[in-house]
Protein backbone atom coordinates (compact mmCIF):
# COMPACT_ATOMS: atom_id res chain seq x y z
CA MET A 1 42.72 96.60 -166.53
CA ARG A 2 39.13 96.77 -167.65
CA ASN A 3 38.13 99.78 -169.71
CA ARG A 4 35.57 102.07 -168.24
CA ILE A 5 32.28 103.04 -169.84
CA PHE A 6 31.68 106.46 -168.38
CA LEU A 7 27.91 106.53 -168.91
CA LEU A 8 27.32 103.79 -166.35
CA SER A 9 27.90 104.72 -162.74
CA PHE A 10 28.50 101.15 -161.63
CA VAL A 11 31.30 100.41 -164.07
CA LEU A 12 34.04 101.38 -161.63
CA VAL A 13 32.76 98.60 -159.40
CA LEU A 14 33.45 96.16 -162.21
CA PHE A 15 36.84 97.76 -162.76
CA ILE A 16 37.91 97.35 -159.15
CA GLN A 17 36.53 93.84 -158.95
CA HIS A 18 38.58 92.60 -161.89
CA SER A 19 41.56 94.94 -161.47
CA ASN A 20 44.80 93.42 -160.27
CA TYR A 21 45.68 96.67 -158.56
CA ALA A 22 43.45 98.62 -156.21
CA CYS A 23 45.58 100.49 -153.73
CA THR A 24 45.48 103.16 -151.02
CA ASN A 25 48.15 105.81 -150.42
CA PHE A 26 48.67 108.65 -147.96
CA MET A 27 51.36 111.35 -147.87
CA VAL A 28 52.52 113.44 -144.91
CA THR A 29 54.83 116.41 -145.46
CA LYS A 30 57.71 117.32 -143.14
CA GLY A 31 55.77 120.16 -141.56
CA ALA A 32 52.81 117.88 -140.84
CA SER A 33 54.84 115.14 -139.13
CA ILE A 34 55.86 114.96 -135.49
CA ASP A 35 59.57 114.41 -136.11
CA GLY A 36 60.08 116.19 -139.43
CA SER A 37 59.86 112.96 -141.45
CA VAL A 38 58.27 112.83 -144.84
CA ILE A 39 55.88 109.91 -144.30
CA THR A 40 54.10 107.92 -146.98
CA SER A 41 51.93 104.82 -146.91
CA TYR A 42 50.87 102.31 -149.54
CA ALA A 43 48.77 99.17 -149.65
CA CYS A 44 49.36 96.97 -152.69
CA ASP A 45 45.98 95.28 -152.98
CA SER A 46 45.65 92.37 -155.36
CA HIS A 47 44.14 88.90 -155.37
CA ASP A 48 47.05 87.51 -157.37
CA ILE A 49 50.17 89.41 -156.23
CA TYR A 50 52.45 87.71 -153.71
CA GLY A 51 53.36 89.79 -150.67
CA ALA A 52 57.15 90.03 -150.67
CA LEU A 53 59.84 92.70 -150.41
CA TYR A 54 61.21 93.64 -153.83
CA PHE A 55 64.96 94.16 -153.49
CA TRP A 56 67.70 95.19 -155.91
CA ALA A 57 71.31 95.72 -154.91
CA ALA A 58 73.17 98.78 -156.17
CA LYS A 59 75.18 97.95 -159.25
CA ASP A 60 77.46 99.36 -161.95
CA HIS A 61 76.62 98.32 -165.51
CA ALA A 62 78.70 98.04 -168.67
CA LEU A 63 78.08 100.58 -171.41
CA ASP A 64 75.96 98.39 -173.71
CA THR A 65 73.90 96.65 -171.01
CA GLN A 66 70.20 96.25 -171.74
CA VAL A 67 67.41 95.82 -169.19
CA GLU A 68 64.47 93.57 -169.98
CA ILE A 69 61.05 95.11 -169.32
CA ILE A 70 58.48 92.67 -167.91
CA ASP A 71 54.90 93.78 -167.31
CA TRP A 72 54.29 93.73 -163.54
CA MET A 73 50.65 92.74 -164.04
CA THR A 74 50.84 90.07 -166.74
CA GLY A 75 54.45 88.85 -166.69
CA LYS A 76 54.61 89.53 -170.43
CA LYS A 77 57.91 90.69 -171.90
CA LEU A 78 57.39 94.18 -173.32
CA GLY A 79 60.85 94.85 -174.69
CA VAL A 80 64.35 95.95 -173.73
CA ILE A 81 65.85 99.38 -173.08
CA PRO A 82 69.39 100.60 -172.32
CA GLN A 83 70.41 100.20 -168.69
CA ALA A 84 71.76 103.12 -166.66
CA SER A 85 75.48 103.09 -165.94
CA HIS A 86 74.75 102.81 -162.21
CA THR A 87 71.56 101.74 -160.44
CA TYR A 88 70.73 102.43 -156.81
CA ARG A 89 69.78 99.88 -154.19
CA VAL A 90 66.00 99.46 -153.81
CA ILE A 91 64.26 98.25 -150.66
CA GLY A 92 60.60 97.68 -151.53
CA ASN A 93 59.28 101.05 -152.72
CA MET A 94 62.18 103.04 -151.25
CA ASN A 95 65.72 103.44 -152.50
CA GLU A 96 69.05 104.06 -150.77
CA HIS A 97 68.55 107.85 -151.08
CA GLN A 98 65.21 107.71 -149.21
CA VAL A 99 63.22 108.27 -152.42
CA VAL A 100 59.80 106.59 -152.30
CA ILE A 101 57.47 105.83 -155.22
CA THR A 102 54.06 104.16 -154.86
CA GLU A 103 50.92 104.00 -156.98
CA SER A 104 47.19 103.54 -157.32
CA THR A 105 45.51 102.57 -160.58
CA TRP A 106 42.41 104.33 -161.89
CA GLY A 107 42.28 103.20 -165.48
CA GLY A 108 40.71 106.23 -167.12
CA ARG A 109 39.74 106.65 -170.73
CA SER A 110 40.07 103.50 -172.76
CA GLU A 111 41.39 105.44 -175.76
CA CYS A 112 44.53 106.31 -173.81
CA VAL A 113 46.25 102.94 -174.02
CA ASP A 114 49.22 102.27 -176.30
CA SER A 115 49.72 98.56 -176.98
CA THR A 116 53.04 99.31 -178.71
CA ALA A 117 54.61 100.85 -175.60
CA ILE A 118 57.32 99.26 -173.45
CA ILE A 119 57.19 100.90 -170.00
CA ASP A 120 54.49 99.51 -167.70
CA ILE A 121 53.57 100.81 -164.25
CA GLY A 122 55.88 98.45 -162.34
CA SER A 123 58.87 99.16 -164.57
CA LEU A 124 58.20 102.89 -164.31
CA ILE A 125 58.33 102.71 -160.51
CA TRP A 126 61.37 100.48 -160.03
CA LEU A 127 63.45 101.82 -162.91
CA SER A 128 62.89 105.32 -161.53
CA LEU A 129 63.84 104.24 -158.01
CA GLN A 130 67.03 102.70 -159.39
CA ARG A 131 67.90 105.91 -161.25
CA SER A 132 66.79 108.80 -159.00
CA SER A 133 68.39 110.45 -155.96
CA ASN A 134 65.50 112.81 -155.20
CA ALA A 135 61.81 113.28 -155.99
CA ARG A 136 62.29 115.82 -158.78
CA GLU A 137 64.85 113.64 -160.50
CA ALA A 138 62.31 110.81 -160.28
CA ILE A 139 59.70 112.98 -162.00
CA ARG A 140 62.21 113.79 -164.74
CA THR A 141 63.03 110.08 -165.04
CA PHE A 142 59.32 109.29 -165.39
CA HIS A 143 59.12 111.73 -168.28
CA PHE A 144 62.26 110.37 -169.93
CA LEU A 145 61.09 106.76 -169.76
CA VAL A 146 57.55 107.25 -171.09
CA SER A 147 58.64 109.77 -173.73
CA ASN A 148 61.32 107.52 -175.15
CA TYR A 149 59.73 104.09 -174.77
CA GLY A 150 55.98 104.69 -174.43
CA TYR A 151 53.63 104.01 -171.52
CA ALA A 152 52.04 100.55 -171.60
CA SER A 153 49.62 100.71 -168.64
CA THR A 154 46.45 102.64 -167.82
CA GLY A 155 45.82 105.75 -165.73
CA GLU A 156 47.77 105.97 -162.47
CA SER A 157 48.34 108.20 -159.48
CA PHE A 158 51.83 108.11 -158.00
CA THR A 159 53.32 109.22 -154.71
CA ILE A 160 56.85 110.50 -155.29
CA ALA A 161 58.65 111.50 -152.10
CA ASP A 162 62.11 112.15 -150.75
CA LYS A 163 63.50 113.40 -147.44
CA ASN A 164 62.36 116.97 -148.10
CA GLU A 165 59.13 116.93 -150.08
CA VAL A 166 56.33 114.80 -151.48
CA TRP A 167 54.54 115.04 -154.83
CA ILE A 168 51.47 113.46 -156.36
CA LEU A 169 51.86 112.72 -160.07
CA GLU A 170 48.93 111.57 -162.21
CA LEU A 171 49.57 110.06 -165.61
CA ILE A 172 47.77 108.37 -168.48
CA GLY A 173 49.04 107.11 -171.83
CA LYS A 174 48.39 108.51 -175.27
CA ASP A 175 46.48 106.87 -178.07
CA HIS A 176 47.63 103.65 -179.75
CA GLY A 177 51.00 104.19 -181.39
CA LYS A 178 51.42 107.69 -179.94
CA LYS A 179 54.50 107.34 -177.79
CA GLY A 180 54.47 109.00 -174.39
CA ALA A 181 52.00 110.01 -171.72
CA VAL A 182 50.19 113.08 -170.45
CA TRP A 183 50.57 113.94 -166.79
CA VAL A 184 50.54 116.53 -164.03
CA ALA A 185 52.59 116.55 -160.82
CA GLN A 186 51.81 118.76 -157.84
CA LYS A 187 53.86 119.18 -154.69
CA ILE A 188 51.91 118.86 -151.45
CA PRO A 189 52.38 122.09 -149.45
CA ASP A 190 54.43 121.74 -146.30
CA GLY A 191 52.25 121.22 -143.24
CA PHE A 192 49.59 119.35 -145.23
CA ILE A 193 48.74 115.73 -146.00
CA SER A 194 47.28 114.12 -149.11
CA GLY A 195 46.11 110.75 -150.38
CA HIS A 196 44.96 108.83 -153.44
CA ALA A 197 43.10 105.56 -153.89
CA ASN A 198 42.31 104.51 -157.47
CA HIS A 199 40.79 107.75 -158.70
CA ALA A 200 42.51 110.77 -160.26
CA ARG A 201 42.63 113.64 -157.76
CA ILE A 202 44.37 116.56 -159.50
CA THR A 203 41.86 118.94 -161.05
CA HIS A 204 43.14 122.46 -161.90
CA PHE A 205 46.83 123.33 -161.86
CA PRO A 206 48.83 126.55 -162.42
CA LYS A 207 50.00 127.51 -165.88
CA GLU A 208 53.71 127.50 -166.67
CA ASN A 209 55.46 130.65 -165.44
CA LYS A 210 58.99 129.24 -164.91
CA LYS A 211 58.70 130.01 -161.21
CA ASN A 212 56.22 127.83 -159.35
CA SER A 213 55.06 125.96 -162.47
CA ILE A 214 56.88 124.51 -165.47
CA SER A 215 55.97 122.22 -168.34
CA THR A 216 58.18 119.50 -169.75
CA ASN A 217 59.72 122.15 -172.01
CA TYR A 218 61.95 122.99 -169.04
CA ILE A 219 62.13 119.70 -167.14
CA ASN A 220 65.72 119.02 -168.24
CA ASP A 221 66.93 122.43 -167.08
CA ASP A 222 68.05 122.21 -163.45
CA LYS A 223 67.70 125.98 -163.11
CA TYR A 224 63.93 125.55 -163.32
CA LEU A 225 63.44 122.01 -162.02
CA TYR A 226 65.14 122.74 -158.70
CA ARG A 227 63.67 126.15 -157.97
CA PRO A 228 62.58 126.04 -154.29
CA GLU A 229 59.20 127.58 -155.10
CA LEU A 230 58.37 125.05 -157.84
CA ASP A 231 55.19 123.17 -156.95
CA CYS A 232 53.78 122.08 -160.32
CA ILE A 233 55.24 120.23 -163.31
CA TYR A 234 53.16 119.01 -166.24
CA ASP A 235 53.47 117.46 -169.66
CA LYS A 236 53.33 120.12 -172.34
CA ASP A 237 50.71 118.13 -174.28
CA VAL A 238 48.32 117.50 -171.37
CA ILE A 239 45.70 119.96 -172.67
CA SER A 240 46.42 119.88 -176.42
CA PHE A 241 46.18 116.08 -176.46
CA ALA A 242 42.78 116.24 -174.75
CA LYS A 243 41.62 118.75 -177.35
CA GLY A 244 42.85 116.57 -180.20
CA MET A 245 41.04 113.54 -178.81
CA GLY A 246 37.82 115.50 -178.36
CA PHE A 247 37.83 115.10 -174.58
CA VAL A 248 37.48 118.88 -174.14
CA GLY A 249 36.47 121.76 -176.37
CA GLU A 250 39.01 123.54 -178.56
CA SER A 251 38.39 126.84 -176.80
CA ILE A 252 39.03 125.63 -173.25
CA LYS A 253 41.44 127.82 -171.28
CA HIS A 254 44.21 126.51 -169.05
CA GLU A 255 42.51 127.71 -165.87
CA GLU A 256 39.32 125.88 -166.90
CA PHE A 257 41.02 122.56 -167.61
CA SER A 258 40.75 119.79 -165.00
CA PHE A 259 43.03 116.77 -165.36
CA ALA A 260 40.81 114.44 -163.30
CA ASP A 261 37.54 115.49 -164.91
CA THR A 262 39.05 115.10 -168.37
CA TYR A 263 40.93 111.82 -168.08
CA ASP A 264 39.06 110.09 -165.22
CA PRO A 265 35.56 111.57 -164.76
CA VAL A 266 34.11 110.89 -161.33
CA ASN A 267 31.05 108.67 -160.97
CA PHE A 268 29.31 106.85 -158.14
CA GLY A 269 31.83 104.02 -158.05
CA ALA A 270 34.84 106.34 -158.09
CA ALA A 271 33.46 108.23 -155.11
CA ARG A 272 32.13 105.31 -153.05
CA PHE A 273 34.93 102.79 -153.59
CA CYS A 274 37.95 105.03 -154.11
CA GLU A 275 37.58 108.58 -152.85
CA ALA A 276 35.78 107.25 -149.77
CA ARG A 277 39.04 105.62 -148.69
CA VAL A 278 40.86 108.95 -148.88
CA TYR A 279 37.97 110.48 -146.94
CA ALA A 280 38.32 107.79 -144.27
CA GLY A 281 42.01 108.53 -143.78
CA PHE A 282 41.49 112.29 -143.69
CA ASN A 283 38.60 111.80 -141.26
CA LYS A 284 40.94 110.21 -138.72
CA VAL A 285 43.25 113.21 -138.47
CA ALA A 286 41.10 116.27 -139.19
CA LYS A 287 37.81 117.58 -137.86
CA GLY A 288 35.15 118.86 -140.24
CA MET A 289 35.42 116.11 -142.83
CA ASP A 290 31.70 115.40 -142.43
CA LYS A 291 31.03 118.10 -145.01
CA TYR A 292 32.46 115.71 -147.63
CA LEU A 293 30.52 112.65 -146.46
CA ASP A 294 27.91 112.99 -149.21
CA TYR A 295 30.73 112.89 -151.76
CA ALA A 296 32.29 109.80 -150.17
CA LEU A 297 28.88 108.12 -150.24
CA GLY A 298 28.60 108.87 -153.96
CA GLU A 299 25.56 111.08 -153.41
CA ASN A 300 27.01 114.49 -154.35
CA LEU A 301 29.74 114.24 -156.96
CA GLU A 302 30.17 118.02 -157.11
CA ASN A 303 31.40 118.19 -153.50
CA ARG A 304 34.91 116.91 -154.23
CA LEU A 305 37.43 116.16 -151.52
CA PRO A 306 40.31 118.63 -151.51
CA LEU A 307 43.61 117.35 -152.88
CA TYR A 308 45.25 117.99 -149.52
CA ILE A 309 44.23 119.01 -146.00
CA LYS A 310 45.90 120.32 -142.85
CA PRO A 311 45.67 117.80 -139.99
CA ASP A 312 44.48 118.95 -136.57
CA LYS A 313 47.85 118.08 -135.08
CA LYS A 314 51.17 116.75 -136.29
CA ILE A 315 51.18 113.10 -137.31
CA GLY A 316 53.51 110.25 -136.41
CA VAL A 317 54.25 106.87 -137.93
CA ARG A 318 51.72 105.10 -135.73
CA ASP A 319 49.04 107.60 -136.77
CA VAL A 320 49.65 106.70 -140.40
CA MET A 321 49.53 103.00 -139.54
CA SER A 322 46.14 103.72 -137.94
CA MET A 323 44.98 105.48 -141.12
CA MET A 324 45.87 102.31 -143.02
CA ARG A 325 43.87 100.15 -140.58
CA ASP A 326 40.42 101.32 -141.49
CA TYR A 327 37.05 99.72 -142.25
CA TYR A 328 35.08 102.99 -142.13
CA GLN A 329 34.70 102.79 -138.35
CA ASP A 330 32.76 105.73 -136.88
CA THR A 331 31.15 106.53 -140.24
CA PRO A 332 27.85 105.45 -141.85
CA MET A 333 29.89 102.99 -143.94
CA ASP A 334 31.22 101.08 -140.90
CA MET A 335 31.53 97.50 -142.16
CA THR A 336 30.91 95.96 -138.74
CA GLN A 337 27.43 97.47 -138.52
CA ASP A 338 25.44 95.74 -141.27
CA ILE A 339 24.26 92.16 -141.66
CA GLY A 340 27.27 91.32 -143.82
CA ALA A 341 29.43 91.54 -140.68
CA GLY A 342 27.73 88.43 -139.31
CA SER A 343 27.49 87.74 -135.61
CA PHE A 344 31.16 88.50 -134.94
CA GLY A 345 31.58 91.95 -136.48
CA SER A 346 33.63 91.02 -139.54
CA THR A 347 35.39 93.84 -141.39
CA VAL A 348 35.75 91.83 -144.61
CA ARG A 349 33.40 91.01 -147.47
CA TRP A 350 34.26 88.25 -149.91
CA ARG A 351 34.35 89.23 -153.56
CA PRO A 352 32.76 89.92 -155.95
CA LEU A 353 32.44 93.49 -154.79
CA TYR A 354 29.12 93.95 -156.55
CA TRP A 355 26.22 91.53 -156.73
CA GLU A 356 22.64 91.38 -157.99
CA VAL A 357 19.35 90.38 -156.38
CA ASN A 358 16.08 90.35 -158.31
CA GLY A 359 17.60 92.49 -161.03
CA GLN A 360 18.89 95.11 -158.58
CA GLN A 361 22.63 95.77 -158.65
CA CYS A 362 24.13 96.08 -155.17
CA PHE A 363 27.60 96.29 -153.67
CA HIS A 364 29.80 95.81 -150.63
CA GLU A 365 31.92 98.61 -149.21
CA ARG A 366 35.55 98.76 -150.30
CA ALA A 367 37.62 99.84 -147.29
CA ILE A 368 41.34 100.57 -146.85
CA SER A 369 41.78 97.37 -144.84
CA THR A 370 40.97 94.48 -147.11
CA GLN A 371 41.71 90.78 -147.32
CA GLN A 372 43.52 90.91 -150.67
CA THR A 373 46.40 93.17 -149.63
CA ALA A 374 49.67 91.63 -150.81
CA TYR A 375 51.89 93.97 -148.83
CA SER A 376 51.72 97.44 -147.32
CA ILE A 377 54.27 99.98 -146.18
CA VAL A 378 54.63 103.09 -144.09
CA THR A 379 57.84 104.93 -144.98
CA GLN A 380 59.90 107.60 -143.27
CA SER A 381 62.36 109.79 -145.17
CA ARG A 382 64.35 111.95 -142.74
CA SER A 383 66.62 114.78 -143.85
CA HIS A 384 68.35 115.16 -140.46
CA LEU A 385 69.89 111.68 -140.68
CA PRO A 386 72.30 110.03 -143.16
CA ASP A 387 70.41 108.18 -145.91
CA PRO A 388 71.10 104.60 -144.71
CA ILE A 389 69.70 105.55 -141.29
CA GLY A 390 67.16 108.21 -142.25
CA GLY A 391 65.09 106.01 -144.52
CA ILE A 392 62.83 103.40 -142.94
CA CYS A 393 60.35 101.19 -144.76
CA TRP A 394 57.91 99.80 -142.20
CA PHE A 395 56.89 96.65 -144.05
CA GLY A 396 53.81 94.48 -143.53
CA VAL A 397 52.09 91.69 -145.44
CA ASP A 398 48.43 90.75 -145.91
CA ASP A 399 45.44 92.67 -144.51
CA THR A 400 46.58 95.98 -142.96
CA TYR A 401 44.12 95.50 -140.10
CA LEU A 402 45.89 92.31 -139.01
CA THR A 403 49.50 92.94 -140.03
CA VAL A 404 52.54 94.00 -138.05
CA TYR A 405 54.81 96.68 -139.50
CA THR A 406 58.51 95.77 -139.28
CA PRO A 407 61.20 98.49 -139.58
CA LEU A 408 63.58 97.97 -142.50
CA TYR A 409 66.26 100.65 -142.79
CA ALA A 410 67.40 102.11 -146.12
CA GLY A 411 70.79 100.64 -145.24
CA LEU A 412 69.39 97.11 -145.61
CA GLN A 413 71.77 95.05 -147.74
CA GLU A 414 69.60 92.00 -148.47
CA ALA A 415 65.95 90.99 -148.34
CA PRO A 416 65.04 89.24 -145.06
CA GLU A 417 64.32 85.55 -145.61
CA ASN A 418 60.73 85.74 -144.36
CA PHE A 419 59.95 88.62 -146.75
CA ARG A 420 62.13 87.48 -149.65
CA MET A 421 60.71 87.16 -153.14
CA GLY A 422 60.99 83.49 -154.09
CA ASN A 423 60.28 82.20 -150.60
CA GLY A 424 56.95 80.72 -151.60
CA ASP A 425 54.65 82.31 -154.14
CA ILE A 426 50.97 83.00 -154.66
CA MET A 427 50.31 79.33 -155.50
CA ASN A 428 52.87 77.62 -153.27
CA TYR A 429 52.90 77.73 -149.47
CA SER A 430 56.14 78.21 -147.56
CA GLU A 431 56.53 77.54 -143.84
CA THR A 432 59.02 80.41 -143.61
CA SER A 433 57.04 82.99 -145.61
CA ALA A 434 55.60 85.92 -143.65
CA PHE A 435 52.93 86.36 -146.32
CA TRP A 436 51.56 82.85 -145.77
CA LEU A 437 51.92 83.06 -141.99
CA PHE A 438 49.90 86.27 -141.77
CA ASN A 439 47.33 84.92 -144.23
CA ARG A 440 46.92 81.82 -142.10
CA VAL A 441 46.32 83.84 -138.94
CA SER A 442 44.04 86.35 -140.69
CA ASN A 443 41.88 83.71 -142.30
CA PHE A 444 41.37 82.08 -138.91
CA ALA A 445 40.51 85.45 -137.36
CA TYR A 446 38.03 86.53 -140.06
CA SER A 447 35.30 84.17 -138.90
CA ILE A 448 35.38 85.45 -135.30
CA MET A 449 36.83 88.95 -135.63
CA GLY A 450 34.90 90.53 -132.79
CA ARG A 451 36.37 87.99 -130.39
CA VAL A 452 39.97 87.92 -131.54
CA MET A 453 40.66 91.55 -132.50
CA PRO A 454 41.37 92.75 -128.94
CA SER A 455 44.12 90.11 -128.80
CA VAL A 456 45.38 91.04 -132.28
CA LYS A 457 45.46 94.74 -131.43
CA ALA A 458 47.33 94.08 -128.18
CA LYS A 459 49.98 92.04 -130.00
CA GLN A 460 50.34 94.64 -132.76
CA ASP A 461 50.82 97.34 -130.13
CA GLU A 462 53.34 95.26 -128.20
CA LEU A 463 55.52 94.65 -131.25
CA GLU A 464 55.21 97.97 -133.06
CA LEU A 465 55.64 100.13 -129.95
CA SER A 466 58.73 98.15 -128.98
CA TYR A 467 60.11 98.56 -132.50
CA LEU A 468 59.51 102.33 -132.40
CA ALA A 469 61.35 102.60 -129.10
CA GLU A 470 64.25 100.55 -130.44
CA VAL A 471 64.38 102.63 -133.63
CA ASN A 472 64.60 105.86 -131.65
CA GLU A 473 67.52 104.45 -129.68
CA LEU A 474 69.23 102.91 -132.70
CA ASP A 475 68.96 106.13 -134.77
CA GLU A 476 71.17 107.93 -132.28
CA LYS A 477 73.73 105.14 -131.97
CA ALA A 478 73.92 104.52 -135.71
CA SER A 479 74.28 108.24 -136.47
CA GLU A 480 77.21 108.56 -134.08
CA LEU A 481 78.83 105.46 -135.54
CA TYR A 482 78.26 106.77 -139.10
CA LYS A 483 80.48 109.78 -138.33
CA THR A 484 83.51 107.56 -137.78
CA ASN A 485 82.74 104.35 -139.67
CA LYS A 486 80.05 104.41 -142.35
CA ASP A 487 80.37 100.73 -143.20
CA LYS A 488 79.91 99.68 -139.58
CA ALA A 489 76.88 101.94 -139.23
CA ILE A 490 75.28 100.40 -142.31
CA GLU A 491 76.05 96.92 -141.00
CA PHE A 492 74.45 97.96 -137.70
CA VAL A 493 71.12 99.02 -139.25
CA ASN A 494 71.17 96.08 -141.66
CA ASP A 495 71.54 93.58 -138.81
CA PHE A 496 68.80 95.30 -136.81
CA SER A 497 66.39 95.11 -139.77
CA LEU A 498 67.08 91.42 -140.31
CA LYS A 499 66.66 90.66 -136.59
CA LYS A 500 63.35 92.52 -136.40
CA SER A 501 62.07 90.57 -139.42
CA ILE A 502 62.90 87.31 -137.65
CA GLN A 503 61.29 88.61 -134.46
CA THR A 504 58.06 89.55 -136.24
CA PHE A 505 57.80 86.16 -137.89
CA GLY A 506 58.51 84.22 -134.71
CA ALA A 507 56.21 86.31 -132.54
CA TRP A 508 53.30 86.11 -135.00
CA ASN A 509 53.74 82.38 -135.49
CA HIS A 510 53.51 81.82 -131.73
CA PHE A 511 50.62 84.28 -131.48
CA GLY A 512 48.69 82.51 -134.25
CA ASN A 513 49.11 79.19 -132.50
CA GLN A 514 47.81 80.67 -129.26
CA LEU A 515 44.80 82.16 -131.04
CA LEU A 516 43.90 78.69 -132.29
CA VAL A 517 44.28 77.21 -128.82
CA THR A 518 42.24 79.95 -127.16
CA PHE A 519 39.41 80.41 -129.66
CA SER A 520 38.93 77.05 -131.39
CA ASP A 521 35.52 75.37 -131.68
CA GLY A 522 33.54 78.44 -130.67
CA ASN A 523 35.02 78.40 -127.17
CA ILE A 524 37.16 80.83 -125.26
CA LYS A 525 39.65 78.92 -123.14
CA LYS A 526 41.16 80.59 -120.09
CA HIS A 527 43.92 79.28 -117.87
CA GLN A 528 42.69 78.43 -114.39
CA GLY A 529 45.60 76.45 -112.99
CA ASP A 530 46.28 72.73 -112.72
CA SER A 531 43.53 70.40 -111.63
CA SER A 532 43.08 66.66 -111.53
CA ASN A 533 40.91 64.53 -113.76
CA TYR A 534 40.74 60.87 -114.79
CA VAL A 535 43.01 61.18 -117.86
CA ARG A 536 45.66 63.00 -115.89
CA ARG A 537 45.71 60.41 -113.13
CA LEU A 538 45.68 57.52 -115.59
CA PHE A 539 48.72 58.70 -117.56
CA ASP A 540 50.43 60.62 -114.76
CA LYS A 541 50.85 63.71 -116.96
CA GLU A 542 50.96 67.33 -115.84
CA PHE A 543 48.67 69.63 -117.79
CA SER A 544 46.20 72.44 -117.21
CA ILE A 545 42.45 72.10 -117.32
CA PRO A 546 41.12 75.29 -118.90
CA GLY A 547 38.10 77.27 -117.97
CA ILE A 548 35.69 77.16 -120.91
CA GLU A 549 33.49 80.09 -121.92
CA GLN A 550 30.87 79.65 -124.64
CA PRO A 551 29.61 83.15 -125.45
CA GLY A 552 27.55 81.97 -128.41
CA TYR A 553 26.21 84.59 -130.80
CA SER A 554 25.03 88.17 -130.52
CA GLU A 555 21.46 89.05 -129.53
CA GLU A 556 20.91 90.54 -132.99
CA TYR A 557 21.87 87.23 -134.59
CA TYR A 558 19.45 85.26 -132.41
CA GLN A 559 16.70 87.72 -133.33
CA GLN A 560 17.43 87.18 -137.02
CA ILE A 561 17.11 83.41 -136.53
CA LEU A 562 13.65 83.82 -135.04
CA GLU A 563 12.56 86.29 -137.70
CA THR A 564 13.62 84.00 -140.55
CA THR A 565 12.59 80.59 -139.14
CA GLY A 566 9.40 81.28 -137.23
CA GLU A 567 8.56 78.44 -134.82
CA LYS A 568 11.27 76.04 -135.99
CA PHE A 569 13.79 76.57 -133.17
CA LYS A 570 11.44 77.48 -130.33
CA VAL A 571 11.53 75.04 -127.43
CA LYS A 572 8.18 73.32 -127.04
């Protein structure tokens, strides 16, 4: 990750442009969801990460087993640590106990990087998923790992959820050679939603009172960690470390201390390219968000978005999918409404994110939906169902705006072939890889988005709505079966998940082919029945003669041609 120079407001633009990770996350509590699910979402956005489902089987390990730590970003070996005696099965960013962990990188102060540390962001996530049966245990595991082996990455926000609650944890490393990390975790109140997108969001937090707030002094004591009223946990050094580094004054009081303002000060780029994405998601489910528009635009950095909001009505899985399919529509940042959208209303802008003309630095918007998404998920953790049935990871690859979310149950026993890591990679195409299939269709669609998106949306709706209906039916059947035969119930949801993966791949492959047939060469072909022509008579072959529409370009585009070329294209 690039270090940030806080005096320059455009530096975050540089950070995002060169960062391997720039991600968007939303969290929905049980009381805010339609069916009592804890719902999370995550887009793993990177130009060099391959979109595949990470999968680990549950396993028992011998006493002296070591686990090798490989940096998720660089592939560099960081070291080895002792393995746990038993590790849980992991399906993407969810484990067999319906625990979910996702992230977004914000970098933060460059002094807070320890090059001697072993635990990077990826290892922190997947080791914790393998070792944790609930969200609070995952937070304790986070603390154990970074305290004992050091934190090797930069500042991060994490979603940590289970079937009952969801937390946001924000963490940054200590100085070079100072093992550990400083962090704060806050539980999202029931009935509310939250989000994070590459900027630290926790500001003030309650001081330890051993009731609703504890420090790491008590994190290993279950009596305090599992108190129902607990809604804040923080590293005991989070303020003292900042004082020692000179980030805040020695006399600062706990109630005056802000984690985000200390470790990741907001600037124009943080607001416009990061917080604006959280604003966009909130704006879809709650009225009154216009009062934070000036903050999202980077024009009023004092008018911070709240950490969480109450939606106007309860939210379902499809609502969260809609939040993840966003290009700032219905806001002043709508990416289809400026010249960069071209004549066909494109929602994408090729990188670099910032650019310069005549010495003036400029930028493109950075929306939730973006071309460099490797994979994205919408998860459900449901306390009223057994874990193998209650957990669902709705998995999609490539741009969220053009993906299809496929339901993968927590009872999944193997990675589906089309989503499997190793089936192709970022430099090698595979005919059976969902990542490359969706990229192929998306990259065809990008040049004529305004024309093809109605067809894309219709196909997404067809598949996802059918999957939701099937899931509702299967939940009931699998739950009844689980009461008498757990193994058969797990086999049932595993087979369903594998079949739906195959269905998604096959349906999208056929759909992509039809898009090419219908929209190639600037035409729109429509079936108008069989008719005769010379070639047909000559070869005695049956085929359709399509109706051809040639809609050309938009009126605005034609006007721009005249304005920029003068008399050149006027018919004489």
